[in-house]
Amino acid sequence: MPVTAAEVAELRQAGQALSLDDVDNTLRTTAEIIGYLIYASRSMGADQTEQLRLVELLVRSTDMWREEIREARDVLVRLGYGRDLALLLTSLARKAKLKPLPVHRGPPERRAPR
């Protein structure tokens, strides 16, 4: 069952309503966040289809960069999270935006001595 645009918008609004100053940011990487989401959904009895749906909802609603998704996929595959998760994250990474290149202004201008 694919994630709808309404579900993505609803999760974004809920996230924006939270005060990030009150959040304990123990989970730092995208792989940690996705891994915890899978762990939590398993503990609540979600099957694999529902777990993958939640991962898709998370990735789409947070506008992750392509590189972040691919790094998370590589880590989670090495940890044994399975082929279906790898295929989902690969598909989502293909659709995700590239991280913009950093702006480089070059060396500082040199002033002529007076």
N, C-alpha and C. Protein backbone atom coordinates (compact mmCIF):
# COMPACT_ATOMS: atom_id res chain seq x y z
N MET A 1 0.85 -1.17 0.00
CA MET A 1 0.00 0.00 0.00
C MET A 1 0.90 1.24 0.00
N PRO A 2 0.86 2.04 -1.06
CA PRO A 2 1.73 3.22 -1.13
C PRO A 2 1.28 4.32 -0.16
N VAL A 3 2.23 5.13 0.18
CA VAL A 3 1.97 6.26 1.07
C VAL A 3 1.33 7.38 0.26
N THR A 4 0.30 8.00 0.81
CA THR A 4 -0.39 9.08 0.09
C THR A 4 0.22 10.43 0.44
N ALA A 5 -0.02 11.39 -0.44
CA ALA A 5 0.48 12.75 -0.21
C ALA A 5 -0.16 13.35 1.05
N ALA A 6 -1.40 12.98 1.34
CA ALA A 6 -2.08 13.50 2.53
C ALA A 6 -1.39 13.00 3.80
N GLU A 7 -0.95 11.74 3.80
CA GLU A 7 -0.25 11.20 4.96
C GLU A 7 1.09 11.90 5.17
N VAL A 8 1.78 12.18 4.07
CA VAL A 8 3.05 12.89 4.14
C VAL A 8 2.84 14.28 4.71
N ALA A 9 1.84 14.99 4.20
CA ALA A 9 1.54 16.34 4.67
C ALA A 9 1.16 16.34 6.15
N GLU A 10 0.38 15.35 6.57
CA GLU A 10 -0.04 15.26 7.97
C GLU A 10 1.16 15.06 8.89
N LEU A 11 2.09 14.19 8.50
CA LEU A 11 3.27 13.96 9.33
C LEU A 11 4.17 15.18 9.37
N ARG A 12 4.29 15.88 8.25
CA ARG A 12 5.10 17.11 8.22
C ARG A 12 4.53 18.15 9.18
N GLN A 13 3.20 18.32 9.16
CA GLN A 13 2.57 19.30 10.05
C GLN A 13 2.78 18.92 11.51
N ALA A 14 2.67 17.65 11.81
CA ALA A 14 2.88 17.20 13.19
C ALA A 14 4.32 17.46 13.62
N GLY A 15 5.26 17.23 12.73
CA GLY A 15 6.67 17.48 13.04
C GLY A 15 6.97 18.94 13.24
N GLN A 16 6.35 19.80 12.44
CA GLN A 16 6.58 21.23 12.56
C GLN A 16 5.96 21.79 13.83
N ALA A 17 4.95 21.13 14.35
CA ALA A 17 4.29 21.59 15.57
C ALA A 17 5.12 21.29 16.82
N LEU A 18 6.08 20.37 16.71
CA LEU A 18 6.92 20.02 17.86
C LEU A 18 7.99 21.07 18.08
N SER A 19 8.33 21.27 19.33
CA SER A 19 9.45 22.14 19.67
C SER A 19 10.70 21.28 19.73
N LEU A 20 11.64 21.51 18.83
CA LEU A 20 12.85 20.69 18.79
C LEU A 20 13.76 20.94 19.98
N ASP A 21 13.56 22.03 20.72
CA ASP A 21 14.36 22.28 21.91
C ASP A 21 14.04 21.29 23.03
N ASP A 22 12.84 20.71 22.98
CA ASP A 22 12.41 19.78 24.01
C ASP A 22 12.75 18.33 23.69
N VAL A 23 13.31 18.08 22.51
CA VAL A 23 13.55 16.72 22.05
C VAL A 23 14.96 16.28 22.43
N ASP A 24 15.06 15.06 22.95
CA ASP A 24 16.36 14.46 23.22
C ASP A 24 16.84 13.83 21.92
N ASN A 25 17.86 14.40 21.32
CA ASN A 25 18.34 13.94 20.02
C ASN A 25 19.39 12.84 20.17
N THR A 26 18.98 11.72 20.73
CA THR A 26 19.89 10.60 20.92
C THR A 26 20.22 9.94 19.59
N LEU A 27 19.25 9.82 18.72
CA LEU A 27 19.45 9.21 17.41
C LEU A 27 19.98 10.28 16.47
N ARG A 28 21.15 10.06 15.93
CA ARG A 28 21.81 11.10 15.14
C ARG A 28 21.83 10.83 13.65
N THR A 29 22.00 9.59 13.23
CA THR A 29 22.11 9.32 11.80
C THR A 29 20.77 8.83 11.25
N THR A 30 20.65 8.93 9.95
CA THR A 30 19.44 8.46 9.28
C THR A 30 19.26 6.96 9.50
N ALA A 31 20.36 6.20 9.45
CA ALA A 31 20.28 4.76 9.67
C ALA A 31 19.77 4.44 11.08
N GLU A 32 20.22 5.20 12.08
CA GLU A 32 19.75 4.98 13.46
C GLU A 32 18.26 5.26 13.57
N ILE A 33 17.81 6.32 12.93
CA ILE A 33 16.40 6.69 13.01
C ILE A 33 15.53 5.64 12.34
N ILE A 34 15.93 5.20 11.14
CA ILE A 34 15.15 4.18 10.44
C ILE A 34 15.19 2.86 11.20
N GLY A 35 16.35 2.49 11.71
CA GLY A 35 16.47 1.26 12.49
C GLY A 35 15.58 1.28 13.73
N TYR A 36 15.54 2.42 14.40
CA TYR A 36 14.69 2.54 15.59
C TYR A 36 13.21 2.47 15.20
N LEU A 37 12.85 3.09 14.09
CA LEU A 37 11.46 3.03 13.62
C LEU A 37 11.05 1.59 13.37
N ILE A 38 11.92 0.82 12.74
CA ILE A 38 11.62 -0.59 12.47
C ILE A 38 11.51 -1.36 13.79
N TYR A 39 12.44 -1.12 14.70
CA TYR A 39 12.40 -1.79 16.00
C TYR A 39 11.10 -1.48 16.74
N ALA A 40 10.74 -0.20 16.78
CA ALA A 40 9.53 0.20 17.50
C ALA A 40 8.27 -0.39 16.86
N SER A 41 8.22 -0.38 15.53
CA SER A 41 7.03 -0.92 14.87
C SER A 41 6.95 -2.44 15.04
N ARG A 42 8.09 -3.12 15.06
CA ARG A 42 8.08 -4.57 15.32
C ARG A 42 7.57 -4.86 16.72
N SER A 43 7.99 -4.04 17.68
CA SER A 43 7.57 -4.28 19.06
C SER A 43 6.08 -4.05 19.25
N MET A 44 5.48 -3.27 18.35
CA MET A 44 4.03 -3.05 18.40
C MET A 44 3.26 -4.05 17.55
N GLY A 45 3.99 -5.00 16.94
CA GLY A 45 3.34 -6.07 16.20
C GLY A 45 3.13 -5.80 14.72
N ALA A 46 3.78 -4.79 14.18
CA ALA A 46 3.62 -4.49 12.75
C ALA A 46 4.31 -5.56 11.91
N ASP A 47 3.67 -5.93 10.81
CA ASP A 47 4.30 -6.88 9.90
C ASP A 47 5.28 -6.13 8.98
N GLN A 48 5.97 -6.87 8.13
CA GLN A 48 7.01 -6.26 7.30
C GLN A 48 6.44 -5.22 6.34
N THR A 49 5.26 -5.46 5.81
CA THR A 49 4.65 -4.50 4.89
C THR A 49 4.38 -3.18 5.59
N GLU A 50 3.87 -3.24 6.79
CA GLU A 50 3.59 -2.01 7.55
C GLU A 50 4.89 -1.31 7.95
N GLN A 51 5.91 -2.07 8.29
CA GLN A 51 7.21 -1.47 8.63
C GLN A 51 7.77 -0.70 7.44
N LEU A 52 7.73 -1.31 6.25
CA LEU A 52 8.24 -0.65 5.05
C LEU A 52 7.41 0.59 4.72
N ARG A 53 6.12 0.51 4.95
CA ARG A 53 5.25 1.66 4.71
C ARG A 53 5.62 2.82 5.64
N LEU A 54 5.91 2.51 6.89
CA LEU A 54 6.32 3.54 7.85
C LEU A 54 7.66 4.16 7.47
N VAL A 55 8.58 3.33 6.99
CA VAL A 55 9.88 3.84 6.54
C VAL A 55 9.69 4.78 5.36
N GLU A 56 8.85 4.38 4.41
CA GLU A 56 8.59 5.25 3.25
C GLU A 56 7.96 6.57 3.69
N LEU A 57 7.02 6.50 4.60
CA LEU A 57 6.38 7.71 5.11
C LEU A 57 7.40 8.63 5.77
N LEU A 58 8.28 8.07 6.57
CA LEU A 58 9.32 8.86 7.24
C LEU A 58 10.24 9.53 6.22
N VAL A 59 10.74 8.77 5.28
CA VAL A 59 11.70 9.30 4.31
C VAL A 59 11.05 10.38 3.44
N ARG A 60 9.85 10.13 2.97
CA ARG A 60 9.19 11.11 2.10
C ARG A 60 8.77 12.37 2.84
N SER A 61 8.40 12.24 4.10
CA SER A 61 7.91 13.42 4.83
C SER A 61 9.04 14.29 5.36
N THR A 62 10.25 13.77 5.42
CA THR A 62 11.36 14.57 5.94
C THR A 62 12.27 15.11 4.85
N ASP A 63 11.97 14.86 3.60
CA ASP A 63 12.76 15.38 2.47
C ASP A 63 14.24 15.10 2.63
N MET A 64 14.59 13.85 2.82
CA MET A 64 15.99 13.48 2.98
C MET A 64 16.72 13.60 1.65
N TRP A 65 18.01 13.89 1.73
CA TRP A 65 18.85 13.95 0.53
C TRP A 65 19.14 12.54 0.05
N ARG A 66 19.40 12.43 -1.24
CA ARG A 66 19.71 11.14 -1.87
C ARG A 66 20.88 10.44 -1.17
N GLU A 67 21.92 11.19 -0.85
CA GLU A 67 23.11 10.59 -0.23
C GLU A 67 22.80 10.03 1.15
N GLU A 68 21.96 10.74 1.91
CA GLU A 68 21.59 10.27 3.25
C GLU A 68 20.86 8.94 3.18
N ILE A 69 19.94 8.83 2.23
CA ILE A 69 19.15 7.61 2.09
C ILE A 69 20.06 6.45 1.70
N ARG A 70 20.97 6.70 0.78
CA ARG A 70 21.87 5.63 0.33
C ARG A 70 22.82 5.19 1.45
N GLU A 71 23.32 6.13 2.23
CA GLU A 71 24.19 5.78 3.35
C GLU A 71 23.43 4.93 4.37
N ALA A 72 22.19 5.33 4.67
CA ALA A 72 21.37 4.56 5.61
C ALA A 72 21.11 3.17 5.07
N ARG A 73 20.79 3.07 3.78
CA ARG A 73 20.56 1.76 3.16
C ARG A 73 21.78 0.87 3.32
N ASP A 74 22.96 1.40 3.03
CA ASP A 74 24.18 0.60 3.11
C ASP A 74 24.44 0.10 4.53
N VAL A 75 24.23 0.96 5.52
CA VAL A 75 24.44 0.56 6.92
C VAL A 75 23.43 -0.50 7.33
N LEU A 76 22.16 -0.28 7.01
CA LEU A 76 21.11 -1.21 7.43
C LEU A 76 21.24 -2.57 6.74
N VAL A 77 21.69 -2.58 5.49
CA VAL A 77 21.90 -3.86 4.81
C VAL A 77 23.03 -4.63 5.49
N ARG A 78 24.12 -3.93 5.85
CA ARG A 78 25.22 -4.59 6.55
C ARG A 78 24.78 -5.14 7.91
N LEU A 79 23.78 -4.51 8.50
CA LEU A 79 23.27 -4.97 9.80
C LEU A 79 22.22 -6.07 9.65
N GLY A 80 21.87 -6.42 8.42
CA GLY A 80 20.95 -7.53 8.19
C GLY A 80 19.48 -7.18 8.19
N TYR A 81 19.13 -5.97 7.83
CA TYR A 81 17.73 -5.57 7.84
C TYR A 81 16.94 -6.10 6.65
N GLY A 82 17.58 -6.69 5.67
CA GLY A 82 16.85 -7.38 4.62
C GLY A 82 16.83 -6.69 3.28
N ARG A 83 16.55 -7.51 2.28
CA ARG A 83 16.56 -7.07 0.89
C ARG A 83 15.41 -6.12 0.58
N ASP A 84 14.23 -6.36 1.15
CA ASP A 84 13.07 -5.52 0.86
C ASP A 84 13.30 -4.08 1.30
N LEU A 85 13.92 -3.90 2.45
CA LEU A 85 14.23 -2.55 2.92
C LEU A 85 15.25 -1.90 1.99
N ALA A 86 16.25 -2.67 1.56
CA ALA A 86 17.26 -2.14 0.65
C ALA A 86 16.63 -1.69 -0.67
N LEU A 87 15.72 -2.49 -1.20
CA LEU A 87 15.05 -2.13 -2.45
C LEU A 87 14.19 -0.87 -2.28
N LEU A 88 13.49 -0.78 -1.15
CA LEU A 88 12.67 0.41 -0.89
C LEU A 88 13.53 1.65 -0.79
N LEU A 89 14.61 1.58 -0.02
CA LEU A 89 15.47 2.75 0.14
C LEU A 89 16.17 3.12 -1.16
N THR A 90 16.52 2.14 -1.97
CA THR A 90 17.11 2.43 -3.29
C THR A 90 16.11 3.18 -4.15
N SER A 91 14.88 2.72 -4.15
CA SER A 91 13.83 3.38 -4.93
C SER A 91 13.58 4.81 -4.45
N LEU A 92 13.53 4.99 -3.14
CA LEU A 92 13.32 6.33 -2.59
C LEU A 92 14.51 7.24 -2.87
N ALA A 93 15.71 6.69 -2.84
CA ALA A 93 16.91 7.49 -3.10
C ALA A 93 16.93 7.99 -4.54
N ARG A 94 16.46 7.17 -5.46
CA ARG A 94 16.42 7.58 -6.87
C ARG A 94 15.49 8.78 -7.08
N LYS A 95 14.45 8.85 -6.28
CA LYS A 95 13.48 9.94 -6.41
C LYS A 95 13.86 11.17 -5.59
N ALA A 96 14.77 11.00 -4.65
CA ALA A 96 15.14 12.09 -3.74
C ALA A 96 16.03 13.11 -4.45
N LYS A 97 16.06 14.30 -3.88
CA LYS A 97 16.88 15.38 -4.43
C LYS A 97 18.34 15.16 -4.07
N LEU A 98 19.20 15.64 -4.97
CA LEU A 98 20.63 15.64 -4.68
C LEU A 98 20.93 16.73 -3.67
N LYS A 99 21.87 16.47 -2.81
CA LYS A 99 22.30 17.49 -1.85
C LYS A 99 23.01 18.59 -2.63
N PRO A 100 22.64 19.85 -2.39
CA PRO A 100 23.28 20.93 -3.14
C PRO A 100 24.77 21.02 -2.83
N LEU A 101 25.52 21.39 -3.84
CA LEU A 101 26.96 21.55 -3.65
C LEU A 101 27.21 22.77 -2.77
N PRO A 102 28.26 22.71 -1.95
CA PRO A 102 28.57 23.87 -1.11
C PRO A 102 29.01 25.04 -1.98
N VAL A 103 28.68 26.21 -1.52
CA VAL A 103 29.07 27.42 -2.24
C VAL A 103 30.52 27.71 -1.92
N HIS A 104 31.32 27.85 -2.96
CA HIS A 104 32.75 28.12 -2.77
C HIS A 104 33.05 29.47 -3.40
N ARG A 105 33.51 30.36 -2.62
CA ARG A 105 33.77 31.71 -3.11
C ARG A 105 35.22 31.90 -3.54
N GLY A 106 36.03 30.92 -3.34
CA GLY A 106 37.43 31.05 -3.71
C GLY A 106 38.23 31.72 -2.62
N PRO A 107 39.51 31.94 -2.89
CA PRO A 107 40.35 32.57 -1.86
C PRO A 107 39.93 34.02 -1.65
N PRO A 108 40.21 34.55 -0.47
CA PRO A 108 39.83 35.95 -0.22
C PRO A 108 40.60 36.88 -1.15
N GLU A 109 39.96 37.97 -1.46
CA GLU A 109 40.59 38.94 -2.36
C GLU A 109 41.82 39.53 -1.68
N ARG A 110 42.84 39.72 -2.48
CA ARG A 110 44.06 40.34 -1.94
C ARG A 110 44.06 41.80 -2.35
N ARG A 111 44.33 42.60 -1.38
CA ARG A 111 44.39 44.04 -1.66
C ARG A 111 45.82 44.43 -1.99
N ALA A 112 45.93 45.33 -2.89
CA ALA A 112 47.26 45.82 -3.27
C ALA A 112 47.82 46.65 -2.12
N PRO A 113 49.11 46.50 -1.82
CA PRO A 113 49.70 47.31 -0.75
C PRO A 113 49.69 48.78 -1.13
N ARG A 114 49.54 49.62 -0.15
CA ARG A 114 49.49 51.07 -0.40
C ARG A 114 50.80 51.71 -0.19
